[in-house]
């Protein structure tokens, strides 16, 4: 994916990112098979990833003990010559969830 260079591209990218974030939140209500990593003192961390013809995307949803939803999603850019397997994308999603937990200083 090329880096956005003009304001219109950046706004478009942020709109897509916001849509994906809302999609992940809604998805947790209807799809029970998303992997749960852990529960830390009431915090829940859900993650999922997808590898398809359009690229590699991962999403994380942290839910606080008070029910606050903190979604995060990114598109991965792998530069290898071989197709990346879906489980590698899932591992990256798990890592993103753990990094987000650390960024928020959740103990």
C-alpha atoms as a PDB file:
ATOM      1  CA  UNK A   1       0.000   0.000   0.000  1.00  0.00           C
ATOM      2  CA  UNK A   2       1.368   3.394  -0.961  1.00  0.00           C
ATOM      3  CA  UNK A   3       1.730   6.067   1.681  1.00  0.00           C
ATOM      4  CA  UNK A   4      -0.980   8.755   1.420  1.00  0.00           C
ATOM      5  CA  UNK A   5       0.587  12.013   0.249  1.00  0.00           C
ATOM      6  CA  UNK A   6      -2.250  14.489   0.058  1.00  0.00           C
ATOM      7  CA  UNK A   7      -4.931  15.506   2.508  1.00  0.00           C
ATOM      8  CA  UNK A   8      -7.675  13.835   0.446  1.00  0.00           C
ATOM      9  CA  UNK A   9      -5.829  10.487   0.569  1.00  0.00           C
ATOM     10  CA  UNK A  10      -5.243  10.811   4.309  1.00  0.00           C
ATOM     11  CA  UNK A  11      -8.900  11.626   4.981  1.00  0.00           C
ATOM     12  CA  UNK A  12      -9.954   8.672   2.829  1.00  0.00           C
ATOM     13  CA  UNK A  13      -7.577   6.367   4.698  1.00  0.00           C
ATOM     14  CA  UNK A  14      -8.840   7.573   8.090  1.00  0.00           C
ATOM     15  CA  UNK A  15     -12.438   7.046   6.950  1.00  0.00           C
ATOM     16  CA  UNK A  16     -11.668   3.472   5.934  1.00  0.00           C
ATOM     17  CA  UNK A  17      -9.850   2.874   9.223  1.00  0.00           C
ATOM     18  CA  UNK A  18     -12.814   4.187  11.204  1.00  0.00           C
ATOM     19  CA  UNK A  19     -15.191   1.961   9.215  1.00  0.00           C
ATOM     20  CA  UNK A  20     -13.032  -1.096   9.919  1.00  0.00           C
ATOM     21  CA  UNK A  21     -12.897  -0.223  13.624  1.00  0.00           C
ATOM     22  CA  UNK A  22     -16.697  -0.023  13.794  1.00  0.00           C
ATOM     23  CA  UNK A  23     -16.966  -3.254  11.807  1.00  0.00           C
ATOM     24  CA  UNK A  24     -14.783  -5.082  14.335  1.00  0.00           C
ATOM     25  CA  UNK A  25     -16.904  -3.849  17.246  1.00  0.00           C
ATOM     26  CA  UNK A  26     -20.096  -5.055  15.533  1.00  0.00           C
ATOM     27  CA  UNK A  27     -18.479  -8.319  14.553  1.00  0.00           C
ATOM     28  CA  UNK A  28     -17.821  -9.276  18.168  1.00  0.00           C
ATOM     29  CA  UNK A  29     -21.559  -9.153  18.813  1.00  0.00           C
ATOM     30  CA  UNK A  30     -22.380 -11.670  16.079  1.00  0.00           C
ATOM     31  CA  UNK A  31     -19.291 -13.835  15.677  1.00  0.00           C
ATOM     32  CA  UNK A  32     -18.324 -15.846  18.738  1.00  0.00           C
ATOM     33  CA  UNK A  33     -15.312 -17.636  17.246  1.00  0.00           C
ATOM     34  CA  UNK A  34     -12.888 -14.696  17.443  1.00  0.00           C
ATOM     35  CA  UNK A  35      -9.888 -15.645  19.534  1.00  0.00           C
ATOM     36  CA  UNK A  36      -9.656 -14.347  23.086  1.00  0.00           C
ATOM     37  CA  UNK A  37      -6.077 -13.962  24.237  1.00  0.00           C
ATOM     38  CA  UNK A  38      -6.516 -13.277  27.884  1.00  0.00           C
ATOM     39  CA  UNK A  39      -8.530 -11.580  30.572  1.00  0.00           C
ATOM     40  CA  UNK A  40      -6.528  -9.300  32.864  1.00  0.00           C
ATOM     41  CA  UNK A  41      -8.511  -8.143  35.885  1.00  0.00           C
ATOM     42  CA  UNK A  42     -11.663  -7.797  33.838  1.00  0.00           C
ATOM     43  CA  UNK A  43     -10.025  -6.568  30.615  1.00  0.00           C
ATOM     44  CA  UNK A  44     -10.723  -8.690  27.546  1.00  0.00           C
ATOM     45  CA  UNK A  45      -8.569  -8.777  24.431  1.00  0.00           C
ATOM     46  CA  UNK A  46     -10.058 -10.083  21.166  1.00  0.00           C
ATOM     47  CA  UNK A  47      -8.103 -10.301  17.951  1.00  0.00           C
ATOM     48  CA  UNK A  48      -8.512 -11.573  14.426  1.00  0.00           C
ATOM     49  CA  UNK A  49      -6.634 -11.383  11.168  1.00  0.00           C
ATOM     50  CA  UNK A  50      -7.293 -12.052   7.526  1.00  0.00           C
ATOM     51  CA  UNK A  51      -5.057 -12.893   4.604  1.00  0.00           C
ATOM     52  CA  UNK A  52      -6.675 -12.617   1.193  1.00  0.00           C
ATOM     53  CA  UNK A  53      -6.067 -11.326  -2.323  1.00  0.00           C
ATOM     54  CA  UNK A  54      -6.348  -7.708  -1.181  1.00  0.00           C
ATOM     55  CA  UNK A  55      -3.646  -8.002   1.471  1.00  0.00           C
ATOM     56  CA  UNK A  56      -3.262  -8.693   5.135  1.00  0.00           C
ATOM     57  CA  UNK A  57      -5.392  -6.953   7.754  1.00  0.00           C
ATOM     58  CA  UNK A  58      -5.634  -7.406  11.500  1.00  0.00           C
ATOM     59  CA  UNK A  59      -7.948  -6.056  14.142  1.00  0.00           C
ATOM     60  CA  UNK A  60      -7.935  -5.927  17.916  1.00  0.00           C
ATOM     61  CA  UNK A  61     -10.700  -5.095  20.342  1.00  0.00           C
ATOM     62  CA  UNK A  62      -9.931  -4.370  23.994  1.00  0.00           C
ATOM     63  CA  UNK A  63     -12.895  -4.238  26.357  1.00  0.00           C
ATOM     64  CA  UNK A  64     -12.412  -2.609  29.757  1.00  0.00           C
ATOM     65  CA  UNK A  65     -13.995  -3.911  32.967  1.00  0.00           C
ATOM     66  CA  UNK A  66     -16.510  -1.037  32.596  1.00  0.00           C
ATOM     67  CA  UNK A  67     -17.500  -2.108  29.073  1.00  0.00           C
ATOM     68  CA  UNK A  68     -15.521   0.524  27.146  1.00  0.00           C
ATOM     69  CA  UNK A  69     -14.540  -0.725  23.674  1.00  0.00           C
ATOM     70  CA  UNK A  70     -11.095   0.164  22.307  1.00  0.00           C
ATOM     71  CA  UNK A  71     -10.773  -1.035  18.693  1.00  0.00           C
ATOM     72  CA  UNK A  72      -7.583  -0.941  16.654  1.00  0.00           C
ATOM     73  CA  UNK A  73      -6.988  -2.204  13.148  1.00  0.00           C
ATOM     74  CA  UNK A  74      -4.133  -2.021  10.678  1.00  0.00           C
ATOM     75  CA  UNK A  75      -3.144  -3.301   7.268  1.00  0.00           C
ATOM     76  CA  UNK A  76       0.106  -5.255   7.234  1.00  0.00           C
ATOM     77  CA  UNK A  77       2.763  -4.889   4.562  1.00  0.00           C
ATOM     78  CA  UNK A  78       4.863  -8.035   4.176  1.00  0.00           C
ATOM     79  CA  UNK A  79       7.757  -7.645   1.771  1.00  0.00           C
ATOM     80  CA  UNK A  80       8.693 -11.282   1.244  1.00  0.00           C
ATOM     81  CA  UNK A  81       8.423 -13.123  -2.056  1.00  0.00           C
ATOM     82  CA  UNK A  82       6.177 -15.889  -0.705  1.00  0.00           C
ATOM     83  CA  UNK A  83       2.503 -15.626   0.241  1.00  0.00           C
ATOM     84  CA  UNK A  84       2.044 -15.185   3.975  1.00  0.00           C
ATOM     85  CA  UNK A  85      -0.082 -17.801   5.699  1.00  0.00           C
ATOM     86  CA  UNK A  86      -3.225 -16.814   7.577  1.00  0.00           C
ATOM     87  CA  UNK A  87      -1.843 -18.077  10.905  1.00  0.00           C
ATOM     88  CA  UNK A  88       1.077 -15.631  10.623  1.00  0.00           C
ATOM     89  CA  UNK A  89      -1.452 -12.835  10.229  1.00  0.00           C
ATOM     90  CA  UNK A  90      -3.261 -14.143  13.335  1.00  0.00           C
ATOM     91  CA  UNK A  91       0.034 -14.031  15.281  1.00  0.00           C
ATOM     92  CA  UNK A  92       0.545 -10.428  14.175  1.00  0.00           C
ATOM     93  CA  UNK A  93      -2.981  -9.623  15.394  1.00  0.00           C
ATOM     94  CA  UNK A  94      -2.187 -11.183  18.762  1.00  0.00           C
ATOM     95  CA  UNK A  95       1.022  -9.157  18.999  1.00  0.00           C
ATOM     96  CA  UNK A  96      -0.871  -5.954  18.111  1.00  0.00           C
ATOM     97  CA  UNK A  97      -3.319  -6.680  20.929  1.00  0.00           C
ATOM     98  CA  UNK A  98      -0.530  -7.196  23.429  1.00  0.00           C
ATOM     99  CA  UNK A  99       1.295  -4.053  22.261  1.00  0.00           C
ATOM    100  CA  UNK A 100      -1.929  -2.055  22.578  1.00  0.00           C
ATOM    101  CA  UNK A 101      -2.362  -3.408  26.097  1.00  0.00           C
ATOM    102  CA  UNK A 102       1.159  -2.241  26.964  1.00  0.00           C
ATOM    103  CA  UNK A 103       0.598   1.191  25.346  1.00  0.00           C
ATOM    104  CA  UNK A 104      -2.496   1.693  27.507  1.00  0.00           C
ATOM    105  CA  UNK A 105      -0.492   0.601  30.584  1.00  0.00           C
ATOM    106  CA  UNK A 106      -3.026  -2.091  31.450  1.00  0.00           C
ATOM    107  CA  UNK A 107      -1.635  -4.201  34.272  1.00  0.00           C
END
